[in-house]
Structure formats: structure tokens, C-alpha cells
């Protein structure tokens, strides 16, 4: 039993170390704020961890945008556009965002 708990603790520690969080991904220039209000990869071939992170963040954003849209009588696209503008404002220096024409810009 003690050995099993040790293996589980090691697995959890390793999984935690390998997983990347949103701020790390932004700081490393792996992801940025896309002009559609969602997160997108900046690199051409993102790792599995980065793709999973993007999917999770975008799923959460879509749920949030949907709730805001319904409660304010807006479309999902309108909320996403407003969220993009806010995200660009909040983008930290050195992080990437996509300009309206689709080019990645480092702030």
C-alpha cells in the first residue's frame, strides 16, 4: 500500500510538472489572444499540452460568452468580439495577440 501511494504521489508530481498553465504558455509565446475572442496557438505545431490547454480555455470561454450573451440579449459573436477587445487591453507586455487582420503581434 505504501508503495502504491508513493507511485501515485510521483505520478501526480510529474503530471503537475509537465502540465503547462495559461500564464506559462503566454509567457513562452506559445499561445496568444486570437481576434475571434478565443485563445490560439502562436506556433505552427503546438504540443499536446498546449493544444489541451487551448481547448480547455476556449471551452470555458465559450460557456462564459454564452451566459453573457443570453443575459444581455447579444449574440455569441458580439460577446466574443467584446472579449477580444478586453483581452488585448489586458495582454501583458511581451505576450502575443492577433490583430484584426490576423497577424500575431507581440505587445
PDB file of N, CA and C in Angstrom:
ATOM      1  N   UNK A   1       0.831  -1.192   0.000  1.00  0.00           N
ATOM      2  CA  UNK A   1       0.000   0.000   0.000  1.00  0.00           C
ATOM      3  C   UNK A   1       0.873   1.252   0.000  1.00  0.00           C
ATOM      4  N   UNK A   2       1.920   1.225   0.797  1.00  0.00           N
ATOM      5  CA  UNK A   2       2.809   2.381   0.872  1.00  0.00           C
ATOM      6  C   UNK A   2       3.469   2.631  -0.477  1.00  0.00           C
ATOM      7  N   UNK A   3       3.839   1.545  -1.167  1.00  0.00           N
ATOM      8  CA  UNK A   3       4.464   1.672  -2.481  1.00  0.00           C
ATOM      9  C   UNK A   3       3.489   2.289  -3.481  1.00  0.00           C
ATOM     10  N   UNK A   4       2.230   1.848  -3.445  1.00  0.00           N
ATOM     11  CA  UNK A   4       1.215   2.385  -4.354  1.00  0.00           C
ATOM     12  C   UNK A   4       1.035   3.887  -4.141  1.00  0.00           C
ATOM     13  N   UNK A   5       0.967   4.297  -2.883  1.00  0.00           N
ATOM     14  CA  UNK A   5       0.812   5.722  -2.580  1.00  0.00           C
ATOM     15  C   UNK A   5       2.020   6.525  -3.061  1.00  0.00           C
ATOM     16  N   UNK A   6       3.189   5.910  -2.965  1.00  0.00           N
ATOM     17  CA  UNK A   6       4.400   6.581  -3.450  1.00  0.00           C
ATOM     18  C   UNK A   6       4.334   6.768  -4.960  1.00  0.00           C
ATOM     19  N   UNK A   7       3.904   5.710  -5.680  1.00  0.00           N
ATOM     20  CA  UNK A   7       3.776   5.812  -7.143  1.00  0.00           C
ATOM     21  C   UNK A   7       2.756   6.889  -7.539  1.00  0.00           C
ATOM     22  N   UNK A   8       1.644   6.906  -6.830  1.00  0.00           N
ATOM     23  CA  UNK A   8       0.609   7.913  -7.129  1.00  0.00           C
ATOM     24  C   UNK A   8       1.153   9.318  -6.886  1.00  0.00           C
ATOM     25  N   UNK A   9       1.868   9.494  -5.789  1.00  0.00           N
ATOM     26  CA  UNK A   9       2.434  10.811  -5.482  1.00  0.00           C
ATOM     27  C   UNK A   9       3.441  11.228  -6.549  1.00  0.00           C
ATOM     28  N   UNK A  10       4.264  10.275  -7.000  1.00  0.00           N
ATOM     29  CA  UNK A  10       5.242  10.583  -8.050  1.00  0.00           C
ATOM     30  C   UNK A  10       4.524  10.934  -9.345  1.00  0.00           C
ATOM     31  N   UNK A  11       3.482  10.158  -9.699  1.00  0.00           N
ATOM     32  CA  UNK A  11       2.722  10.432 -10.921  1.00  0.00           C
ATOM     33  C   UNK A  11       2.102  11.824 -10.870  1.00  0.00           C
ATOM     34  N   UNK A  12       1.484  12.151  -9.749  1.00  0.00           N
ATOM     35  CA  UNK A  12       0.842  13.464  -9.634  1.00  0.00           C
ATOM     36  C   UNK A  12       1.872  14.581  -9.712  1.00  0.00           C
ATOM     37  N   UNK A  13       3.030  14.371  -9.097  1.00  0.00           N
ATOM     38  CA  UNK A  13       4.082  15.377  -9.143  1.00  0.00           C
ATOM     39  C   UNK A  13       4.563  15.573 -10.577  1.00  0.00           C
ATOM     40  N   UNK A  14       4.791  14.462 -11.282  1.00  0.00           N
ATOM     41  CA  UNK A  14       5.267  14.547 -12.668  1.00  0.00           C
ATOM     42  C   UNK A  14       4.218  15.172 -13.573  1.00  0.00           C
ATOM     43  N   UNK A  15       2.959  14.794 -13.411  1.00  0.00           N
ATOM     44  CA  UNK A  15       1.894  15.358 -14.241  1.00  0.00           C
ATOM     45  C   UNK A  15       1.793  16.849 -14.012  1.00  0.00           C
ATOM     46  N   UNK A  16       1.954  17.261 -12.760  1.00  0.00           N
ATOM     47  CA  UNK A  16       1.884  18.681 -12.434  1.00  0.00           C
ATOM     48  C   UNK A  16       3.046  19.445 -13.054  1.00  0.00           C
ATOM     49  N   UNK A  17       4.216  18.844 -13.063  1.00  0.00           N
ATOM     50  CA  UNK A  17       5.390  19.494 -13.624  1.00  0.00           C
ATOM     51  C   UNK A  17       5.274  19.609 -15.135  1.00  0.00           C
ATOM     52  N   UNK A  18       4.733  18.570 -15.789  1.00  0.00           N
ATOM     53  CA  UNK A  18       4.642  18.569 -17.244  1.00  0.00           C
ATOM     54  C   UNK A  18       3.526  19.452 -17.770  1.00  0.00           C
ATOM     55  N   UNK A  19       2.473  19.585 -17.027  1.00  0.00           N
ATOM     56  CA  UNK A  19       1.352  20.397 -17.490  1.00  0.00           C
ATOM     57  C   UNK A  19       1.763  21.865 -17.531  1.00  0.00           C
ATOM     58  N   UNK A  20       1.252  22.534 -18.501  1.00  0.00           N
ATOM     59  CA  UNK A  20       1.574  23.946 -18.663  1.00  0.00           C
ATOM     60  C   UNK A  20       0.315  24.748 -18.355  1.00  0.00           C
ATOM     61  N   UNK A  21       0.485  25.876 -17.689  1.00  0.00           N
ATOM     62  CA  UNK A  21      -0.688  26.689 -17.425  1.00  0.00           C
ATOM     63  C   UNK A  21      -0.736  27.873 -18.397  1.00  0.00           C
ATOM     64  N   UNK A  22      -1.828  28.575 -18.369  1.00  0.00           N
ATOM     65  CA  UNK A  22      -2.068  29.638 -19.344  1.00  0.00           C
ATOM     66  C   UNK A  22      -1.000  30.725 -19.287  1.00  0.00           C
ATOM     67  N   UNK A  23      -0.646  31.154 -18.100  1.00  0.00           N
ATOM     68  CA  UNK A  23       0.352  32.227 -17.988  1.00  0.00           C
ATOM     69  C   UNK A  23       1.721  31.784 -18.484  1.00  0.00           C
ATOM     70  N   UNK A  24       2.078  30.526 -18.195  1.00  0.00           N
ATOM     71  CA  UNK A  24       3.345  29.993 -18.707  1.00  0.00           C
ATOM     72  C   UNK A  24       3.327  29.949 -20.232  1.00  0.00           C
ATOM     73  N   UNK A  25       2.228  29.488 -20.793  1.00  0.00           N
ATOM     74  CA  UNK A  25       2.123  29.374 -22.251  1.00  0.00           C
ATOM     75  C   UNK A  25       2.191  30.744 -22.917  1.00  0.00           C
ATOM     76  N   UNK A  26       1.558  31.738 -22.297  1.00  0.00           N
ATOM     77  CA  UNK A  26       1.623  33.094 -22.849  1.00  0.00           C
ATOM     78  C   UNK A  26       3.028  33.660 -22.719  1.00  0.00           C
ATOM     79  N   UNK A  27       3.641  33.464 -21.566  1.00  0.00           N
ATOM     80  CA  UNK A  27       4.983  33.997 -21.336  1.00  0.00           C
ATOM     81  C   UNK A  27       6.013  33.367 -22.267  1.00  0.00           C
ATOM     82  N   UNK A  28       5.777  32.122 -22.647  1.00  0.00           N
ATOM     83  CA  UNK A  28       6.707  31.429 -23.542  1.00  0.00           C
ATOM     84  C   UNK A  28       6.390  31.691 -25.019  1.00  0.00           C
ATOM     85  N   UNK A  29       5.342  32.483 -25.291  1.00  0.00           N
ATOM     86  CA  UNK A  29       4.986  32.798 -26.676  1.00  0.00           C
ATOM     87  C   UNK A  29       4.359  31.633 -27.418  1.00  0.00           C
ATOM     88  N   UNK A  30       3.760  30.708 -26.676  1.00  0.00           N
ATOM     89  CA  UNK A  30       3.151  29.538 -27.303  1.00  0.00           C
ATOM     90  C   UNK A  30       1.712  29.787 -27.704  1.00  0.00           C
ATOM     91  N   UNK A  31       1.019  30.642 -26.963  1.00  0.00           N
ATOM     92  CA  UNK A  31      -0.383  30.949 -27.235  1.00  0.00           C
ATOM     93  C   UNK A  31      -0.587  32.454 -27.168  1.00  0.00           C
ATOM     94  N   UNK A  32      -1.666  32.899 -27.778  1.00  0.00           N
ATOM     95  CA  UNK A  32      -1.993  34.303 -27.732  1.00  0.00           C
ATOM     96  C   UNK A  32      -3.487  34.502 -27.864  1.00  0.00           C
ATOM     97  N   UNK A  33      -3.902  35.738 -27.729  1.00  0.00           N
ATOM     98  CA  UNK A  33      -5.312  36.092 -27.849  1.00  0.00           C
ATOM     99  C   UNK A  33      -5.661  36.259 -29.319  1.00  0.00           C
ATOM    100  N   UNK A  34      -6.476  35.360 -29.829  1.00  0.00           N
ATOM    101  CA  UNK A  34      -6.879  35.415 -31.239  1.00  0.00           C
ATOM    102  C   UNK A  34      -7.929  36.495 -31.434  1.00  0.00           C
ATOM    103  N   UNK A  35      -8.060  36.975 -32.654  1.00  0.00           N
ATOM    104  CA  UNK A  35      -9.007  38.074 -32.928  1.00  0.00           C
ATOM    105  C   UNK A  35     -10.472  37.630 -32.954  1.00  0.00           C
ATOM    106  N   UNK A  36     -10.718  36.373 -32.598  1.00  0.00           N
ATOM    107  CA  UNK A  36     -12.105  35.900 -32.515  1.00  0.00           C
ATOM    108  C   UNK A  36     -12.586  35.775 -31.073  1.00  0.00           C
ATOM    109  N   UNK A  37     -11.765  36.254 -30.116  1.00  0.00           N
ATOM    110  CA  UNK A  37     -12.151  36.207 -28.713  1.00  0.00           C
ATOM    111  C   UNK A  37     -11.726  34.942 -27.997  1.00  0.00           C
ATOM    112  N   UNK A  38     -10.988  34.108 -28.684  1.00  0.00           N
ATOM    113  CA  UNK A  38     -10.565  32.851 -28.094  1.00  0.00           C
ATOM    114  C   UNK A  38      -9.037  32.790 -28.077  1.00  0.00           C
ATOM    115  N   UNK A  39      -8.521  31.790 -27.402  1.00  0.00           N
ATOM    116  CA  UNK A  39      -7.088  31.550 -27.334  1.00  0.00           C
ATOM    117  C   UNK A  39      -6.674  30.721 -28.541  1.00  0.00           C
ATOM    118  N   UNK A  40      -5.471  30.950 -29.069  1.00  0.00           N
ATOM    119  CA  UNK A  40      -4.992  30.188 -30.227  1.00  0.00           C
ATOM    120  C   UNK A  40      -3.488  29.985 -30.107  1.00  0.00           C
ATOM    121  N   UNK A  41      -2.981  28.951 -30.781  1.00  0.00           N
ATOM    122  CA  UNK A  41      -1.532  28.741 -30.764  1.00  0.00           C
ATOM    123  C   UNK A  41      -0.840  29.788 -31.624  1.00  0.00           C
ATOM    124  N   UNK A  42       0.293  30.242 -31.157  1.00  0.00           N
ATOM    125  CA  UNK A  42       1.099  31.179 -31.939  1.00  0.00           C
ATOM    126  C   UNK A  42       2.080  30.391 -32.807  1.00  0.00           C
ATOM    127  N   UNK A  43       2.490  29.236 -32.295  1.00  0.00           N
ATOM    128  CA  UNK A  43       3.436  28.395 -33.025  1.00  0.00           C
ATOM    129  C   UNK A  43       2.684  27.514 -34.026  1.00  0.00           C
ATOM    130  N   UNK A  44       3.388  27.036 -35.027  1.00  0.00           N
ATOM    131  CA  UNK A  44       2.759  26.219 -36.064  1.00  0.00           C
ATOM    132  C   UNK A  44       2.391  24.818 -35.582  1.00  0.00           C
ATOM    133  N   UNK A  45       3.185  24.258 -34.711  1.00  0.00           N
ATOM    134  CA  UNK A  45       2.898  22.887 -34.244  1.00  0.00           C
ATOM    135  C   UNK A  45       2.961  22.849 -32.721  1.00  0.00           C
ATOM    136  N   UNK A  46       1.858  23.240 -32.073  1.00  0.00           N
ATOM    137  CA  UNK A  46       1.844  23.251 -30.606  1.00  0.00           C
ATOM    138  C   UNK A  46       1.885  21.830 -30.043  1.00  0.00           C
ATOM    139  N   UNK A  47       2.425  21.706 -28.855  1.00  0.00           N
ATOM    140  CA  UNK A  47       2.495  20.399 -28.189  1.00  0.00           C
ATOM    141  C   UNK A  47       1.096  19.963 -27.770  1.00  0.00           C
ATOM    142  N   UNK A  48       0.999  18.725 -27.384  1.00  0.00           N
ATOM    143  CA  UNK A  48      -0.281  18.194 -26.908  1.00  0.00           C
ATOM    144  C   UNK A  48      -0.752  18.962 -25.686  1.00  0.00           C
ATOM    145  N   UNK A  49       0.151  19.276 -24.765  1.00  0.00           N
ATOM    146  CA  UNK A  49      -0.219  20.038 -23.564  1.00  0.00           C
ATOM    147  C   UNK A  49      -0.802  21.400 -23.937  1.00  0.00           C
ATOM    148  N   UNK A  50      -0.181  22.055 -24.903  1.00  0.00           N
ATOM    149  CA  UNK A  50      -0.652  23.382 -25.315  1.00  0.00           C
ATOM    150  C   UNK A  50      -2.016  23.273 -26.004  1.00  0.00           C
ATOM    151  N   UNK A  51      -2.179  22.265 -26.848  1.00  0.00           N
ATOM    152  CA  UNK A  51      -3.485  22.085 -27.516  1.00  0.00           C
ATOM    153  C   UNK A  51      -4.585  21.811 -26.510  1.00  0.00           C
ATOM    154  N   UNK A  52      -4.274  20.985 -25.507  1.00  0.00           N
ATOM    155  CA  UNK A  52      -5.265  20.689 -24.468  1.00  0.00           C
ATOM    156  C   UNK A  52      -5.594  21.937 -23.659  1.00  0.00           C
ATOM    157  N   UNK A  53      -4.576  22.717 -23.366  1.00  0.00           N
ATOM    158  CA  UNK A  53      -4.796  23.965 -22.638  1.00  0.00           C
ATOM    159  C   UNK A  53      -5.706  24.896 -23.434  1.00  0.00           C
ATOM    160  N   UNK A  54      -5.420  25.045 -24.712  1.00  0.00           N
ATOM    161  CA  UNK A  54      -6.229  25.911 -25.572  1.00  0.00           C
ATOM    162  C   UNK A  54      -7.678  25.434 -25.605  1.00  0.00           C
ATOM    163  N   UNK A  55      -7.862  24.139 -25.758  1.00  0.00           N
ATOM    164  CA  UNK A  55      -9.223  23.591 -25.818  1.00  0.00           C
ATOM    165  C   UNK A  55      -9.975  23.843 -24.517  1.00  0.00           C
ATOM    166  N   UNK A  56      -9.312  23.630 -23.393  1.00  0.00           N
ATOM    167  CA  UNK A  56      -9.962  23.841 -22.101  1.00  0.00           C
ATOM    168  C   UNK A  56     -10.329  25.307 -21.894  1.00  0.00           C
ATOM    169  N   UNK A  57      -9.387  26.184 -22.179  1.00  0.00           N
ATOM    170  CA  UNK A  57      -9.652  27.620 -22.008  1.00  0.00           C
ATOM    171  C   UNK A  57     -10.778  28.058 -22.932  1.00  0.00           C
ATOM    172  N   UNK A  58     -10.748  27.620 -24.174  1.00  0.00           N
ATOM    173  CA  UNK A  58     -11.780  28.043 -25.121  1.00  0.00           C
ATOM    174  C   UNK A  58     -13.152  27.469 -24.781  1.00  0.00           C
ATOM    175  N   UNK A  59     -13.188  26.248 -24.267  1.00  0.00           N
ATOM    176  CA  UNK A  59     -14.475  25.702 -23.815  1.00  0.00           C
ATOM    177  C   UNK A  59     -15.043  26.540 -22.677  1.00  0.00           C
ATOM    178  N   UNK A  60     -14.181  26.908 -21.726  1.00  0.00           N
ATOM    179  CA  UNK A  60     -14.631  27.743 -20.605  1.00  0.00           C
ATOM    180  C   UNK A  60     -15.088  29.113 -21.095  1.00  0.00           C
ATOM    181  N   UNK A  61     -14.333  29.672 -22.034  1.00  0.00           N
ATOM    182  CA  UNK A  61     -14.709  30.990 -22.556  1.00  0.00           C
ATOM    183  C   UNK A  61     -16.051  30.930 -23.282  1.00  0.00           C
ATOM    184  N   UNK A  62     -16.237  29.893 -24.089  1.00  0.00           N
ATOM    185  CA  UNK A  62     -17.490  29.792 -24.840  1.00  0.00           C
ATOM    186  C   UNK A  62     -18.685  29.688 -23.904  1.00  0.00           C
ATOM    187  N   UNK A  63     -18.549  28.907 -22.843  1.00  0.00           N
ATOM    188  CA  UNK A  63     -19.635  28.807 -21.861  1.00  0.00           C
ATOM    189  C   UNK A  63     -19.910  30.171 -21.235  1.00  0.00           C
ATOM    190  N   UNK A  64     -18.845  30.861 -20.880  1.00  0.00           N
ATOM    191  CA  UNK A  64     -18.994  32.170 -20.263  1.00  0.00           C
ATOM    192  C   UNK A  64     -19.615  33.169 -21.244  1.00  0.00           C
ATOM    193  N   UNK A  65     -19.130  33.176 -22.482  1.00  0.00           N
ATOM    194  CA  UNK A  65     -19.663  34.087 -23.504  1.00  0.00           C
ATOM    195  C   UNK A  65     -21.156  33.810 -23.724  1.00  0.00           C
ATOM    196  N   UNK A  66     -21.502  32.519 -23.742  1.00  0.00           N
ATOM    197  CA  UNK A  66     -22.898  32.144 -23.978  1.00  0.00           C
ATOM    198  C   UNK A  66     -23.794  32.681 -22.863  1.00  0.00           C
ATOM    199  N   UNK A  67     -23.350  32.534 -21.619  1.00  0.00           N
ATOM    200  CA  UNK A  67     -24.140  33.046 -20.487  1.00  0.00           C
ATOM    201  C   UNK A  67     -24.300  34.565 -20.583  1.00  0.00           C
ATOM    202  N   UNK A  68     -23.232  35.261 -20.908  1.00  0.00           N
ATOM    203  CA  UNK A  68     -23.277  36.716 -21.023  1.00  0.00           C
ATOM    204  C   UNK A  68     -24.187  37.120 -22.175  1.00  0.00           C
ATOM    205  N   UNK A  69     -24.097  36.412 -23.282  1.00  0.00           N
ATOM    206  CA  UNK A  69     -24.920  36.727 -24.446  1.00  0.00           C
ATOM    207  C   UNK A  69     -26.401  36.592 -24.115  1.00  0.00           C
ATOM    208  N   UNK A  70     -26.758  35.509 -23.475  1.00  0.00           N
ATOM    209  CA  UNK A  70     -28.162  35.272 -23.137  1.00  0.00           C
ATOM    210  C   UNK A  70     -28.676  36.321 -22.167  1.00  0.00           C
ATOM    211  N   UNK A  71     -27.891  36.627 -21.151  1.00  0.00           N
ATOM    212  CA  UNK A  71     -28.368  37.566 -20.130  1.00  0.00           C
ATOM    213  C   UNK A  71     -28.391  39.011 -20.610  1.00  0.00           C
ATOM    214  N   UNK A  72     -27.693  39.304 -21.724  1.00  0.00           N
ATOM    215  CA  UNK A  72     -27.664  40.677 -22.220  1.00  0.00           C
ATOM    216  C   UNK A  72     -28.285  40.855 -23.596  1.00  0.00           C
ATOM    217  N   UNK A  73     -28.895  39.824 -24.122  1.00  0.00           N
ATOM    218  CA  UNK A  73     -29.548  39.929 -25.417  1.00  0.00           C
ATOM    219  C   UNK A  73     -28.573  40.160 -26.570  1.00  0.00           C
ATOM    220  N   UNK A  74     -27.406  39.580 -26.470  1.00  0.00           N
ATOM    221  CA  UNK A  74     -26.393  39.720 -27.516  1.00  0.00           C
ATOM    222  C   UNK A  74     -26.156  38.373 -28.181  1.00  0.00           C
ATOM    223  N   UNK A  75     -25.455  38.399 -29.308  1.00  0.00           N
ATOM    224  CA  UNK A  75     -25.061  37.144 -29.935  1.00  0.00           C
ATOM    225  C   UNK A  75     -23.735  36.687 -29.336  1.00  0.00           C
ATOM    226  N   UNK A  76     -23.451  35.435 -29.532  1.00  0.00           N
ATOM    227  CA  UNK A  76     -22.184  34.887 -29.066  1.00  0.00           C
ATOM    228  C   UNK A  76     -21.017  35.606 -29.737  1.00  0.00           C
ATOM    229  N   UNK A  77     -21.154  35.909 -31.017  1.00  0.00           N
ATOM    230  CA  UNK A  77     -20.091  36.601 -31.763  1.00  0.00           C
ATOM    231  C   UNK A  77     -19.864  38.009 -31.221  1.00  0.00           C
ATOM    232  N   UNK A  78     -20.937  38.696 -30.842  1.00  0.00           N
ATOM    233  CA  UNK A  78     -20.789  40.046 -30.274  1.00  0.00           C
ATOM    234  C   UNK A  78     -20.036  40.000 -28.951  1.00  0.00           C
ATOM    235  N   UNK A  79     -20.371  39.040 -28.121  1.00  0.00           N
ATOM    236  CA  UNK A  79     -19.680  38.912 -26.833  1.00  0.00           C
ATOM    237  C   UNK A  79     -18.215  38.548 -27.062  1.00  0.00           C
ATOM    238  N   UNK A  80     -17.955  37.648 -27.991  1.00  0.00           N
ATOM    239  CA  UNK A  80     -16.572  37.250 -28.287  1.00  0.00           C
ATOM    240  C   UNK A  80     -15.764  38.440 -28.798  1.00  0.00           C
ATOM    241  N   UNK A  81     -16.380  39.281 -29.619  1.00  0.00           N
ATOM    242  CA  UNK A  81     -15.681  40.471 -30.137  1.00  0.00           C
ATOM    243  C   UNK A  81     -15.331  41.430 -29.002  1.00  0.00           C
ATOM    244  N   UNK A  82     -16.274  41.634 -28.092  1.00  0.00           N
ATOM    245  CA  UNK A  82     -16.009  42.491 -26.936  1.00  0.00           C
ATOM    246  C   UNK A  82     -14.935  41.891 -26.035  1.00  0.00           C
ATOM    247  N   UNK A  83     -14.976  40.589 -25.881  1.00  0.00           N
ATOM    248  CA  UNK A  83     -13.976  39.906 -25.049  1.00  0.00           C
ATOM    249  C   UNK A  83     -12.588  40.039 -25.678  1.00  0.00           C
ATOM    250  N   UNK A  84     -12.518  39.963 -26.991  1.00  0.00           N
ATOM    251  CA  UNK A  84     -11.236  40.138 -27.679  1.00  0.00           C
ATOM    252  C   UNK A  84     -10.653  41.514 -27.370  1.00  0.00           C
ATOM    253  N   UNK A  85     -11.487  42.549 -27.451  1.00  0.00           N
ATOM    254  CA  UNK A  85     -11.005  43.905 -27.170  1.00  0.00           C
ATOM    255  C   UNK A  85     -10.471  44.005 -25.739  1.00  0.00           C
ATOM    256  N   UNK A  86     -11.183  43.418 -24.796  1.00  0.00           N
ATOM    257  CA  UNK A  86     -10.730  43.431 -23.392  1.00  0.00           C
ATOM    258  C   UNK A  86      -9.447  42.628 -23.237  1.00  0.00           C
ATOM    259  N   UNK A  87      -9.373  41.486 -23.919  1.00  0.00           N
ATOM    260  CA  UNK A  87      -8.186  40.637 -23.803  1.00  0.00           C
ATOM    261  C   UNK A  87      -6.946  41.356 -24.332  1.00  0.00           C
ATOM    262  N   UNK A  88      -7.104  42.084 -25.425  1.00  0.00           N
ATOM    263  CA  UNK A  88      -5.964  42.824 -25.985  1.00  0.00           C
ATOM    264  C   UNK A  88      -5.524  43.910 -24.999  1.00  0.00           C
ATOM    265  N   UNK A  89      -6.495  44.590 -24.401  1.00  0.00           N
ATOM    266  CA  UNK A  89      -6.157  45.613 -23.403  1.00  0.00           C
ATOM    267  C   UNK A  89      -5.375  45.020 -22.240  1.00  0.00           C
ATOM    268  N   UNK A  90      -5.765  43.808 -21.834  1.00  0.00           N
ATOM    269  CA  UNK A  90      -5.141  43.173 -20.670  1.00  0.00           C
ATOM    270  C   UNK A  90      -3.895  42.372 -21.018  1.00  0.00           C
ATOM    271  N   UNK A  91      -3.597  42.220 -22.290  1.00  0.00           N
ATOM    272  CA  UNK A  91      -2.417  41.453 -22.676  1.00  0.00           C
ATOM    273  C   UNK A  91      -1.168  42.113 -22.117  1.00  0.00           C
ATOM    274  N   UNK A  92      -0.371  41.328 -21.459  1.00  0.00           N
ATOM    275  CA  UNK A  92       0.849  41.846 -20.840  1.00  0.00           C
ATOM    276  C   UNK A  92       1.926  42.090 -21.886  1.00  0.00           C
ATOM    277  N   UNK A  93       2.810  42.994 -21.574  1.00  0.00           N
ATOM    278  CA  UNK A  93       3.942  43.286 -22.437  1.00  0.00           C
ATOM    279  C   UNK A  93       4.746  41.998 -22.674  1.00  0.00           C
ATOM    280  N   UNK A  94       5.067  41.757 -23.928  1.00  0.00           N
ATOM    281  CA  UNK A  94       5.818  40.557 -24.279  1.00  0.00           C
ATOM    282  C   UNK A  94       4.959  39.376 -24.684  1.00  0.00           C
ATOM    283  N   UNK A  95       3.638  39.478 -24.463  1.00  0.00           N
ATOM    284  CA  UNK A  95       2.723  38.410 -24.854  1.00  0.00           C
ATOM    285  C   UNK A  95       2.125  38.736 -26.225  1.00  0.00           C
ATOM    286  N   UNK A  96       1.570  37.713 -26.874  1.00  0.00           N
ATOM    287  CA  UNK A  96       1.057  37.876 -28.234  1.00  0.00           C
ATOM    288  C   UNK A  96      -0.461  38.038 -28.279  1.00  0.00           C
ATOM    289  N   UNK A  97      -0.901  38.823 -29.258  1.00  0.00           N
ATOM    290  CA  UNK A  97      -2.306  38.880 -29.615  1.00  0.00           C
ATOM    291  C   UNK A  97      -2.387  38.995 -31.134  1.00  0.00           C
ATOM    292  N   UNK A  98      -3.520  38.643 -31.669  1.00  0.00           N
ATOM    293  CA  UNK A  98      -3.722  38.671 -33.115  1.00  0.00           C
ATOM    294  C   UNK A  98      -4.422  39.976 -33.467  1.00  0.00           C
ATOM    295  N   UNK A  99      -3.855  40.715 -34.409  1.00  0.00           N
ATOM    296  CA  UNK A  99      -4.510  41.971 -34.791  1.00  0.00           C
ATOM    297  C   UNK A  99      -5.731  41.659 -35.676  1.00  0.00           C
ATOM    298  N   UNK A 100      -6.558  42.661 -35.966  1.00  0.00           N
ATOM    299  CA  UNK A 100      -7.775  42.397 -36.743  1.00  0.00           C
ATOM    300  C   UNK A 100      -7.525  41.741 -38.105  1.00  0.00           C
ATOM    301  N   UNK A 101      -6.347  41.949 -38.688  1.00  0.00           N
ATOM    302  CA  UNK A 101      -6.075  41.316 -39.982  1.00  0.00           C
ATOM    303  C   UNK A 101      -5.506  39.901 -39.839  1.00  0.00           C
ATOM    304  N   UNK A 102      -5.312  39.449 -38.606  1.00  0.00           N
ATOM    305  CA  UNK A 102      -4.902  38.074 -38.383  1.00  0.00           C
ATOM    306  C   UNK A 102      -3.419  37.860 -38.128  1.00  0.00           C
ATOM    307  N   UNK A 103      -2.653  38.927 -38.089  1.00  0.00           N
ATOM    308  CA  UNK A 103      -1.220  38.800 -37.822  1.00  0.00           C
ATOM    309  C   UNK A 103      -0.969  38.786 -36.317  1.00  0.00           C
ATOM    310  N   UNK A 104      -0.019  37.949 -35.887  1.00  0.00           N
ATOM    311  CA  UNK A 104       0.347  37.905 -34.476  1.00  0.00           C
ATOM    312  C   UNK A 104       1.253  39.077 -34.162  1.00  0.00           C
ATOM    313  N   UNK A 105       0.941  39.780 -33.080  1.00  0.00           N
ATOM    314  CA  UNK A 105       1.679  40.966 -32.661  1.00  0.00           C
ATOM    315  C   UNK A 105       2.145  40.738 -31.234  1.00  0.00           C
ATOM    316  N   UNK A 106       3.400  41.071 -30.975  1.00  0.00           N
ATOM    317  CA  UNK A 106       3.923  40.990 -29.607  1.00  0.00           C
ATOM    318  C   UNK A 106       3.737  42.349 -28.957  1.00  0.00           C
ATOM    319  N   UNK A 107       3.013  42.378 -27.864  1.00  0.00           N
ATOM    320  CA  UNK A 107       2.720  43.650 -27.202  1.00  0.00           C
ATOM    321  C   UNK A 107       3.913  44.160 -26.440  1.00  0.00           C
TER     322      UNK A 107
END
